[in-house]
Amino acid sequence: MVRQPETAIDLAEATLLIAKEEYPDLDVAAYLARFDDMGADVRRLAGPVQEPRHLIADLSEYLFRRLGFRGNTEDYYDPKNSFLNEVLDRRMGIPITLSAVYLEVARRVGLRVHGVGMPGHFLVKYAGRGDGEDIVIDPFGGGRVVSPADCQRILDRVFDGKRSFDPGMLAIVGTRQILTRILTNLKGIYFNTEQYDKALSIVERLLILHPQNSCEIRDRGLLSCQLRRYADAVADLERYLRLAPEAHDAETIRQHLRTLRQRAAALN
């Protein structure tokens, strides 16, 4: 799917395919049909209304008030928050997956909204293009429209007051970047809980998106080492050093390689 041009990648389907690794029997088509049904419901609710602010209000009313989608503040790092099927079933998620739901339903009602990768908190934005000013929406915050001051408050909460808001933080991101951020979240969760096999699977998917990403190649090697796949680990760490010989951690990786080679020799 991600070999296609950016505009041809279906965000909902690609995100469900990420989930299918965890849920092999997941019926992707059935969940896509649910998005179609949700879009039809919003269109009925909105009636003939086409004005963007009214459509945004109707969409937020439908998702967050009628259906009850909400941010999972009680267990933010539950991996289920990153799987779109679970988000739809439980009506609960994290900023980026709730934003994916918002984007996919909005697309089905003709709303021109895009993902916004603000540091620490994903948002969506209606780009005015002559129809008026941009409108920034926070799906994790119940679909409320947010101002620059609201964005600063979000940054203060996430970064303990150490980041200042800049309008450039509201730049639009593409589908590949959204998928990368979902996978990166999962990678961090699995690594921190020492589920190295699952973390390795996520890195494999990140490398499908970005085959030459040296940091992901390095991390695949380090995860292979944790799983005692030493030959794979050596191959990836050597490749990392070829791609990034002056990296800040190059000497640390060289030491890892020396240890791995000694270990392999002892096993032989």
C-alpha atoms as a PDB file:
ATOM      1  CA  MET A   1       0.000   0.000   0.000  1.00  0.00           C
ATOM      2  CA  VAL A   2       2.678   2.530   0.928  1.00  0.00           C
ATOM      3  CA  ARG A   3       4.448   2.081  -2.398  1.00  0.00           C
ATOM      4  CA  GLN A   4       1.619   4.160  -3.832  1.00  0.00           C
ATOM      5  CA  PRO A   5       1.789   7.954  -4.124  1.00  0.00           C
ATOM      6  CA  GLU A   6       1.031   9.773  -0.882  1.00  0.00           C
ATOM      7  CA  THR A   7      -2.433  10.878  -1.994  1.00  0.00           C
ATOM      8  CA  ALA A   8      -3.402   7.319  -2.931  1.00  0.00           C
ATOM      9  CA  ILE A   9      -2.705   5.811   0.504  1.00  0.00           C
ATOM     10  CA  ASP A  10      -5.938   5.097   2.370  1.00  0.00           C
ATOM     11  CA  LEU A  11      -5.263   6.160   5.969  1.00  0.00           C
ATOM     12  CA  ALA A  12      -8.021   4.029   7.511  1.00  0.00           C
ATOM     13  CA  GLU A  13      -7.082   0.886   5.608  1.00  0.00           C
ATOM     14  CA  ALA A  14      -3.354   1.303   6.246  1.00  0.00           C
ATOM     15  CA  THR A  15      -3.948   1.884   9.970  1.00  0.00           C
ATOM     16  CA  LEU A  16      -6.183  -1.178  10.137  1.00  0.00           C
ATOM     17  CA  LEU A  17      -3.446  -3.205   8.432  1.00  0.00           C
ATOM     18  CA  ILE A  18      -1.095  -2.151  11.238  1.00  0.00           C
ATOM     19  CA  ALA A  19      -3.680  -3.514  13.682  1.00  0.00           C
ATOM     20  CA  LYS A  20      -4.023  -6.750  11.710  1.00  0.00           C
ATOM     21  CA  GLU A  21      -0.560  -7.785  12.883  1.00  0.00           C
ATOM     22  CA  GLU A  22      -1.956  -7.888  16.428  1.00  0.00           C
ATOM     23  CA  TYR A  23      -5.404  -9.146  15.369  1.00  0.00           C
ATOM     24  CA  PRO A  24      -4.883 -11.587  12.465  1.00  0.00           C
ATOM     25  CA  ASP A  25      -8.627 -12.227  12.019  1.00  0.00           C
ATOM     26  CA  LEU A  26      -9.490  -8.521  11.816  1.00  0.00           C
ATOM     27  CA  ASP A  27     -12.042  -7.836   9.061  1.00  0.00           C
ATOM     28  CA  VAL A  28     -10.624  -4.703   7.450  1.00  0.00           C
ATOM     29  CA  ALA A  29     -13.540  -4.314   5.026  1.00  0.00           C
ATOM     30  CA  ALA A  30     -16.070  -4.397   7.862  1.00  0.00           C
ATOM     31  CA  TYR A  31     -14.327  -1.586   9.717  1.00  0.00           C
ATOM     32  CA  LEU A  32     -14.039   0.479   6.541  1.00  0.00           C
ATOM     33  CA  ALA A  33     -17.797   0.018   6.071  1.00  0.00           C
ATOM     34  CA  ARG A  34     -18.293   1.412   9.583  1.00  0.00           C
ATOM     35  CA  PHE A  35     -16.503   4.573   8.519  1.00  0.00           C
ATOM     36  CA  ASP A  36     -18.839   4.799   5.525  1.00  0.00           C
ATOM     37  CA  ASP A  37     -21.844   4.437   7.826  1.00  0.00           C
ATOM     38  CA  MET A  38     -20.512   7.115  10.162  1.00  0.00           C
ATOM     39  CA  GLY A  39     -20.008   9.479   7.268  1.00  0.00           C
ATOM     40  CA  ALA A  40     -23.574   8.873   6.095  1.00  0.00           C
ATOM     41  CA  ASP A  41     -24.861   9.571   9.626  1.00  0.00           C
ATOM     42  CA  VAL A  42     -23.023  12.907   9.774  1.00  0.00           C
ATOM     43  CA  ARG A  43     -24.325  13.869   6.350  1.00  0.00           C
ATOM     44  CA  ARG A  44     -27.898  13.178   7.509  1.00  0.00           C
ATOM     45  CA  LEU A  45     -27.290  15.169  10.683  1.00  0.00           C
ATOM     46  CA  ALA A  46     -25.870  18.121   8.758  1.00  0.00           C
ATOM     47  CA  GLY A  47     -28.544  18.105   6.059  1.00  0.00           C
ATOM     48  CA  PRO A  48     -27.821  20.522   3.210  1.00  0.00           C
ATOM     49  CA  VAL A  49     -25.263  22.466   5.292  1.00  0.00           C
ATOM     50  CA  GLN A  50     -21.960  22.984   3.472  1.00  0.00           C
ATOM     51  CA  GLU A  51     -20.369  25.778   5.532  1.00  0.00           C
ATOM     52  CA  PRO A  52     -17.161  24.334   7.065  1.00  0.00           C
ATOM     53  CA  ARG A  53     -17.663  25.580  10.626  1.00  0.00           C
ATOM     54  CA  HIS A  54     -21.143  24.092  10.753  1.00  0.00           C
ATOM     55  CA  LEU A  55     -19.951  20.768   9.322  1.00  0.00           C
ATOM     56  CA  ILE A  56     -17.104  20.691  11.840  1.00  0.00           C
ATOM     57  CA  ALA A  57     -19.563  21.364  14.665  1.00  0.00           C
ATOM     58  CA  ASP A  58     -21.903  18.612  13.424  1.00  0.00           C
ATOM     59  CA  LEU A  59     -19.032  16.149  13.051  1.00  0.00           C
ATOM     60  CA  SER A  60     -17.762  16.851  16.557  1.00  0.00           C
ATOM     61  CA  GLU A  61     -21.299  16.608  17.960  1.00  0.00           C
ATOM     62  CA  TYR A  62     -21.746  13.219  16.309  1.00  0.00           C
ATOM     63  CA  LEU A  63     -18.374  11.682  17.242  1.00  0.00           C
ATOM     64  CA  PHE A  64     -17.839  13.036  20.723  1.00  0.00           C
ATOM     65  CA  ARG A  65     -21.311  13.653  22.096  1.00  0.00           C
ATOM     66  CA  ARG A  66     -23.565  11.143  20.343  1.00  0.00           C
ATOM     67  CA  LEU A  67     -21.090   8.287  19.948  1.00  0.00           C
ATOM     68  CA  GLY A  68     -18.965   9.198  22.972  1.00  0.00           C
ATOM     69  CA  PHE A  69     -15.465   8.979  21.500  1.00  0.00           C
ATOM     70  CA  ARG A  70     -12.968  10.219  24.077  1.00  0.00           C
ATOM     71  CA  GLY A  71      -9.319  10.303  24.990  1.00  0.00           C
ATOM     72  CA  ASN A  72      -8.049   7.484  27.160  1.00  0.00           C
ATOM     73  CA  THR A  73      -6.557   9.556  29.963  1.00  0.00           C
ATOM     74  CA  GLU A  74      -6.721   6.638  32.427  1.00  0.00           C
ATOM     75  CA  ASP A  75      -4.415   4.301  30.480  1.00  0.00           C
ATOM     76  CA  TYR A  76      -2.758   6.464  27.842  1.00  0.00           C
ATOM     77  CA  TYR A  77      -0.007   3.938  27.022  1.00  0.00           C
ATOM     78  CA  ASP A  78      -2.291   0.955  26.506  1.00  0.00           C
ATOM     79  CA  PRO A  79      -1.320  -0.330  23.026  1.00  0.00           C
ATOM     80  CA  LYS A  80      -5.020  -0.771  22.236  1.00  0.00           C
ATOM     81  CA  ASN A  81      -5.189   3.013  21.933  1.00  0.00           C
ATOM     82  CA  SER A  82      -3.035   2.741  18.808  1.00  0.00           C
ATOM     83  CA  PHE A  83      -5.073   0.048  17.034  1.00  0.00           C
ATOM     84  CA  LEU A  84      -7.867   1.564  14.977  1.00  0.00           C
ATOM     85  CA  ASN A  85     -10.235  -1.394  15.399  1.00  0.00           C
ATOM     86  CA  GLU A  86      -9.962  -1.058  19.183  1.00  0.00           C
ATOM     87  CA  VAL A  87     -10.462   2.705  18.972  1.00  0.00           C
ATOM     88  CA  LEU A  88     -13.673   2.174  16.992  1.00  0.00           C
ATOM     89  CA  ASP A  89     -14.916  -0.631  19.251  1.00  0.00           C
ATOM     90  CA  ARG A  90     -14.097   1.068  22.569  1.00  0.00           C
ATOM     91  CA  ARG A  91     -14.640   4.632  21.289  1.00  0.00           C
ATOM     92  CA  MET A  92     -11.465   5.618  23.051  1.00  0.00           C
ATOM     93  CA  GLY A  93      -7.926   6.403  21.945  1.00  0.00           C
ATOM     94  CA  ILE A  94      -4.969   8.776  21.947  1.00  0.00           C
ATOM     95  CA  PRO A  95      -4.666  12.033  19.992  1.00  0.00           C
ATOM     96  CA  ILE A  96      -3.361  10.512  16.774  1.00  0.00           C
ATOM     97  CA  THR A  97      -5.850   7.637  16.498  1.00  0.00           C
ATOM     98  CA  LEU A  98      -8.821   9.813  17.433  1.00  0.00           C
ATOM     99  CA  SER A  99      -7.548  12.237  14.795  1.00  0.00           C
ATOM    100  CA  ALA A 100      -7.434   9.381  12.267  1.00  0.00           C
ATOM    101  CA  VAL A 101     -11.100   8.640  13.011  1.00  0.00           C
ATOM    102  CA  TYR A 102     -11.937  12.332  12.631  1.00  0.00           C
ATOM    103  CA  LEU A 103     -10.019  12.606   9.345  1.00  0.00           C
ATOM    104  CA  GLU A 104     -11.658   9.545   7.831  1.00  0.00           C
ATOM    105  CA  VAL A 105     -15.216  10.538   8.727  1.00  0.00           C
ATOM    106  CA  ALA A 106     -14.558  14.138   7.627  1.00  0.00           C
ATOM    107  CA  ARG A 107     -13.290  12.894   4.269  1.00  0.00           C
ATOM    108  CA  ARG A 108     -16.546  11.031   3.749  1.00  0.00           C
ATOM    109  CA  VAL A 109     -18.601  14.206   4.239  1.00  0.00           C
ATOM    110  CA  GLY A 110     -16.393  16.326   2.009  1.00  0.00           C
ATOM    111  CA  LEU A 111     -14.556  18.262   4.733  1.00  0.00           C
ATOM    112  CA  ARG A 112     -11.034  19.240   3.710  1.00  0.00           C
ATOM    113  CA  VAL A 113      -9.166  18.510   6.930  1.00  0.00           C
ATOM    114  CA  HIS A 114      -5.577  17.372   7.472  1.00  0.00           C
ATOM    115  CA  GLY A 115      -3.428  15.972  10.214  1.00  0.00           C
ATOM    116  CA  VAL A 116      -1.246  18.341  12.237  1.00  0.00           C
ATOM    117  CA  GLY A 117       1.793  16.890  13.968  1.00  0.00           C
ATOM    118  CA  MET A 118       2.163  19.348  16.828  1.00  0.00           C
ATOM    119  CA  PRO A 119       4.877  18.111  19.208  1.00  0.00           C
ATOM    120  CA  GLY A 120       3.450  15.816  21.844  1.00  0.00           C
ATOM    121  CA  HIS A 121      -0.185  16.170  20.758  1.00  0.00           C
ATOM    122  CA  PHE A 122      -1.675  15.392  17.355  1.00  0.00           C
ATOM    123  CA  LEU A 123      -4.416  17.695  16.006  1.00  0.00           C
ATOM    124  CA  VAL A 124      -6.412  18.181  12.809  1.00  0.00           C
ATOM    125  CA  LYS A 125      -6.857  21.340  10.762  1.00  0.00           C
ATOM    126  CA  TYR A 126      -9.337  22.643   8.232  1.00  0.00           C
ATOM    127  CA  ALA A 127      -7.292  24.602   5.699  1.00  0.00           C
ATOM    128  CA  GLY A 128      -9.268  27.679   4.661  1.00  0.00           C
ATOM    129  CA  ARG A 129      -7.998  28.237   1.091  1.00  0.00           C
ATOM    130  CA  GLY A 130     -10.065  31.362   0.639  1.00  0.00           C
ATOM    131  CA  ASP A 131     -13.024  30.020   2.629  1.00  0.00           C
ATOM    132  CA  GLY A 132     -11.814  31.795   5.743  1.00  0.00           C
ATOM    133  CA  GLU A 133      -9.108  31.207   8.352  1.00  0.00           C
ATOM    134  CA  ASP A 134      -7.759  27.814   9.281  1.00  0.00           C
ATOM    135  CA  ILE A 135      -9.692  25.930  11.950  1.00  0.00           C
ATOM    136  CA  VAL A 136      -7.681  23.695  14.306  1.00  0.00           C
ATOM    137  CA  ILE A 137      -9.530  20.896  16.108  1.00  0.00           C
ATOM    138  CA  ASP A 138      -8.457  18.710  19.030  1.00  0.00           C
ATOM    139  CA  PRO A 139     -10.126  15.270  18.758  1.00  0.00           C
ATOM    140  CA  PHE A 140      -8.506  14.153  22.031  1.00  0.00           C
ATOM    141  CA  GLY A 141     -10.136  17.170  23.654  1.00  0.00           C
ATOM    142  CA  GLY A 142     -13.621  16.225  22.475  1.00  0.00           C
ATOM    143  CA  GLY A 143     -13.448  17.922  19.090  1.00  0.00           C
ATOM    144  CA  ARG A 144     -13.080  21.447  20.421  1.00  0.00           C
ATOM    145  CA  VAL A 145     -11.694  24.187  18.198  1.00  0.00           C
ATOM    146  CA  VAL A 146      -8.355  25.351  19.621  1.00  0.00           C
ATOM    147  CA  SER A 147      -6.606  28.718  19.511  1.00  0.00           C
ATOM    148  CA  PRO A 148      -2.850  29.427  19.667  1.00  0.00           C
ATOM    149  CA  ALA A 149      -3.297  30.055  23.411  1.00  0.00           C
ATOM    150  CA  ASP A 150      -4.939  26.625  23.753  1.00  0.00           C
ATOM    151  CA  CYS A 151      -2.004  25.084  21.877  1.00  0.00           C
ATOM    152  CA  GLN A 152       0.407  26.708  24.322  1.00  0.00           C
ATOM    153  CA  ARG A 153      -1.551  25.230  27.225  1.00  0.00           C
ATOM    154  CA  ILE A 154      -1.330  21.784  25.613  1.00  0.00           C
ATOM    155  CA  LEU A 155       2.442  22.195  25.177  1.00  0.00           C
ATOM    156  CA  ASP A 156       2.767  23.355  28.797  1.00  0.00           C
ATOM    157  CA  ARG A 157       0.981  20.210  29.937  1.00  0.00           C
ATOM    158  CA  VAL A 158       3.048  17.875  27.777  1.00  0.00           C
ATOM    159  CA  PHE A 159       6.469  19.542  28.179  1.00  0.00           C
ATOM    160  CA  ASP A 160       6.143  21.097  31.662  1.00  0.00           C
ATOM    161  CA  GLY A 161       6.318  24.639  30.299  1.00  0.00           C
ATOM    162  CA  LYS A 162       9.584  24.044  28.407  1.00  0.00           C
ATOM    163  CA  ARG A 163       8.227  24.505  24.874  1.00  0.00           C
ATOM    164  CA  SER A 164       6.833  27.691  23.340  1.00  0.00           C
ATOM    165  CA  PHE A 165       4.144  27.532  20.718  1.00  0.00           C
ATOM    166  CA  ASP A 166       5.095  28.495  17.194  1.00  0.00           C
ATOM    167  CA  PRO A 167       2.610  28.625  14.278  1.00  0.00           C
ATOM    168  CA  GLY A 168       4.939  26.332  12.329  1.00  0.00           C
ATOM    169  CA  MET A 169       3.961  23.565  14.749  1.00  0.00           C
ATOM    170  CA  LEU A 170       0.580  23.481  13.008  1.00  0.00           C
ATOM    171  CA  ALA A 171       2.027  22.448   9.655  1.00  0.00           C
ATOM    172  CA  ILE A 172       0.043  19.794   7.792  1.00  0.00           C
ATOM    173  CA  VAL A 173       1.498  16.270   7.703  1.00  0.00           C
ATOM    174  CA  GLY A 174       0.884  13.549   5.145  1.00  0.00           C
ATOM    175  CA  THR A 175      -0.418  10.016   5.518  1.00  0.00           C
ATOM    176  CA  ARG A 176       3.042   8.449   5.701  1.00  0.00           C
ATOM    177  CA  GLN A 177       3.927  10.746   8.589  1.00  0.00           C
ATOM    178  CA  ILE A 178       0.721   9.808  10.402  1.00  0.00           C
ATOM    179  CA  LEU A 179       1.441   6.093   9.968  1.00  0.00           C
ATOM    180  CA  THR A 180       5.032   6.654  11.111  1.00  0.00           C
ATOM    181  CA  ARG A 181       3.847   8.406  14.258  1.00  0.00           C
ATOM    182  CA  ILE A 182       1.356   5.639  15.097  1.00  0.00           C
ATOM    183  CA  LEU A 183       4.054   3.003  14.659  1.00  0.00           C
ATOM    184  CA  THR A 184       6.611   5.017  16.628  1.00  0.00           C
ATOM    185  CA  ASN A 185       4.167   5.258  19.536  1.00  0.00           C
ATOM    186  CA  LEU A 186       3.705   1.485  19.496  1.00  0.00           C
ATOM    187  CA  LYS A 187       7.433   0.888  19.225  1.00  0.00           C
ATOM    188  CA  GLY A 188       8.040   2.975  22.348  1.00  0.00           C
ATOM    189  CA  ILE A 189       5.298   1.212  24.302  1.00  0.00           C
ATOM    190  CA  TYR A 190       6.577  -2.260  23.431  1.00  0.00           C
ATOM    191  CA  PHE A 191      10.193  -1.344  24.084  1.00  0.00           C
ATOM    192  CA  ASN A 192       9.415   0.183  27.473  1.00  0.00           C
ATOM    193  CA  THR A 193       7.453  -2.930  28.489  1.00  0.00           C
ATOM    194  CA  GLU A 194      10.267  -5.186  27.201  1.00  0.00           C
ATOM    195  CA  GLN A 195       8.038  -6.812  24.583  1.00  0.00           C
ATOM    196  CA  TYR A 196      10.975  -6.914  22.206  1.00  0.00           C
ATOM    197  CA  ASP A 197       9.413  -9.297  19.692  1.00  0.00           C
ATOM    198  CA  LYS A 198       6.496  -6.921  19.165  1.00  0.00           C
ATOM    199  CA  ALA A 199       8.801  -3.907  19.072  1.00  0.00           C
ATOM    200  CA  LEU A 200      10.829  -5.651  16.364  1.00  0.00           C
ATOM    201  CA  SER A 201       7.668  -6.259  14.328  1.00  0.00           C
ATOM    202  CA  ILE A 202       6.836  -2.546  14.540  1.00  0.00           C
ATOM    203  CA  VAL A 203      10.351  -1.571  13.409  1.00  0.00           C
ATOM    204  CA  GLU A 204       9.932  -3.867  10.405  1.00  0.00           C
ATOM    205  CA  ARG A 205       6.848  -1.850   9.455  1.00  0.00           C
ATOM    206  CA  LEU A 206       8.641   1.434   9.972  1.00  0.00           C
ATOM    207  CA  LEU A 207      11.280   0.179   7.555  1.00  0.00           C
ATOM    208  CA  ILE A 208       8.572  -0.612   5.006  1.00  0.00           C
ATOM    209  CA  LEU A 209       7.699   3.086   5.192  1.00  0.00           C
ATOM    210  CA  HIS A 210      11.306   4.318   5.333  1.00  0.00           C
ATOM    211  CA  PRO A 211      13.671   1.600   4.040  1.00  0.00           C
ATOM    212  CA  GLN A 212      16.866   3.657   4.405  1.00  0.00           C
ATOM    213  CA  ASN A 213      16.199   5.085   7.867  1.00  0.00           C
ATOM    214  CA  SER A 214      19.487   4.419   9.630  1.00  0.00           C
ATOM    215  CA  CYS A 215      18.056   4.805  13.141  1.00  0.00           C
ATOM    216  CA  GLU A 216      15.393   2.174  12.511  1.00  0.00           C
ATOM    217  CA  ILE A 217      18.031  -0.153  11.045  1.00  0.00           C
ATOM    218  CA  ARG A 218      20.095   0.373  14.212  1.00  0.00           C
ATOM    219  CA  ASP A 219      17.080  -0.266  16.442  1.00  0.00           C
ATOM    220  CA  ARG A 220      16.217  -3.437  14.535  1.00  0.00           C
ATOM    221  CA  GLY A 221      19.757  -4.627  15.208  1.00  0.00           C
ATOM    222  CA  LEU A 222      19.546  -3.805  18.907  1.00  0.00           C
ATOM    223  CA  LEU A 223      16.176  -5.545  19.213  1.00  0.00           C
ATOM    224  CA  SER A 224      17.530  -8.595  17.381  1.00  0.00           C
ATOM    225  CA  CYS A 225      20.333  -8.651  19.937  1.00  0.00           C
ATOM    226  CA  GLN A 226      17.786  -8.645  22.783  1.00  0.00           C
ATOM    227  CA  LEU A 227      16.068 -11.599  21.095  1.00  0.00           C
ATOM    228  CA  ARG A 228      19.440 -13.394  20.672  1.00  0.00           C
ATOM    229  CA  ARG A 229      19.306 -13.210  16.902  1.00  0.00           C
ATOM    230  CA  TYR A 230      22.955 -12.330  16.795  1.00  0.00           C
ATOM    231  CA  ALA A 231      23.648 -12.743  13.079  1.00  0.00           C
ATOM    232  CA  ASP A 232      20.737 -10.432  12.232  1.00  0.00           C
ATOM    233  CA  ALA A 233      21.908  -7.971  14.871  1.00  0.00           C
ATOM    234  CA  VAL A 234      25.449  -7.845  13.477  1.00  0.00           C
ATOM    235  CA  ALA A 235      24.196  -7.345   9.905  1.00  0.00           C
ATOM    236  CA  ASP A 236      21.971  -4.414  10.884  1.00  0.00           C
ATOM    237  CA  LEU A 237      24.468  -2.715  13.188  1.00  0.00           C
ATOM    238  CA  GLU A 238      27.184  -2.965  10.524  1.00  0.00           C
ATOM    239  CA  ARG A 239      24.778  -1.473   7.995  1.00  0.00           C
ATOM    240  CA  TYR A 240      23.954   1.336  10.424  1.00  0.00           C
ATOM    241  CA  LEU A 241      27.623   2.262  10.710  1.00  0.00           C
ATOM    242  CA  ARG A 242      27.982   2.253   6.920  1.00  0.00           C
ATOM    243  CA  LEU A 243      24.986   4.582   6.605  1.00  0.00           C
ATOM    244  CA  ALA A 244      25.906   6.832   9.546  1.00  0.00           C
ATOM    245  CA  PRO A 245      29.635   6.441  10.312  1.00  0.00           C
ATOM    246  CA  GLU A 246      29.778   9.750  12.196  1.00  0.00           C
ATOM    247  CA  ALA A 247      26.617   9.199  14.260  1.00  0.00           C
ATOM    248  CA  HIS A 248      26.752  10.355  17.880  1.00  0.00           C
ATOM    249  CA  ASP A 249      26.413   6.749  19.071  1.00  0.00           C
ATOM    250  CA  ALA A 250      28.750   5.201  16.482  1.00  0.00           C
ATOM    251  CA  GLU A 251      31.407   4.245  19.028  1.00  0.00           C
ATOM    252  CA  THR A 252      28.782   2.662  21.308  1.00  0.00           C
ATOM    253  CA  ILE A 253      27.487   0.607  18.385  1.00  0.00           C
ATOM    254  CA  ARG A 254      31.052  -0.462  17.483  1.00  0.00           C
ATOM    255  CA  GLN A 255      31.452  -1.706  21.051  1.00  0.00           C
ATOM    256  CA  HIS A 256      28.160  -3.624  20.724  1.00  0.00           C
ATOM    257  CA  LEU A 257      29.482  -5.223  17.574  1.00  0.00           C
ATOM    258  CA  ARG A 258      32.737  -6.281  19.239  1.00  0.00           C
ATOM    259  CA  THR A 259      30.739  -7.896  22.047  1.00  0.00           C
ATOM    260  CA  LEU A 260      28.399  -9.619  19.601  1.00  0.00           C
ATOM    261  CA  ARG A 261      31.271 -11.027  17.559  1.00  0.00           C
ATOM    262  CA  GLN A 262      32.942 -12.379  20.703  1.00  0.00           C
ATOM    263  CA  ARG A 263      29.644 -13.950  21.749  1.00  0.00           C
ATOM    264  CA  ALA A 264      29.155 -15.516  18.309  1.00  0.00           C
ATOM    265  CA  ALA A 265      32.695 -16.913  18.403  1.00  0.00           C
ATOM    266  CA  ALA A 266      32.083 -18.462  21.822  1.00  0.00           C
ATOM    267  CA  LEU A 267      28.882 -20.095  20.570  1.00  0.00           C
ATOM    268  CA  ASN A 268      30.749 -21.603  17.647  1.00  0.00           C
END
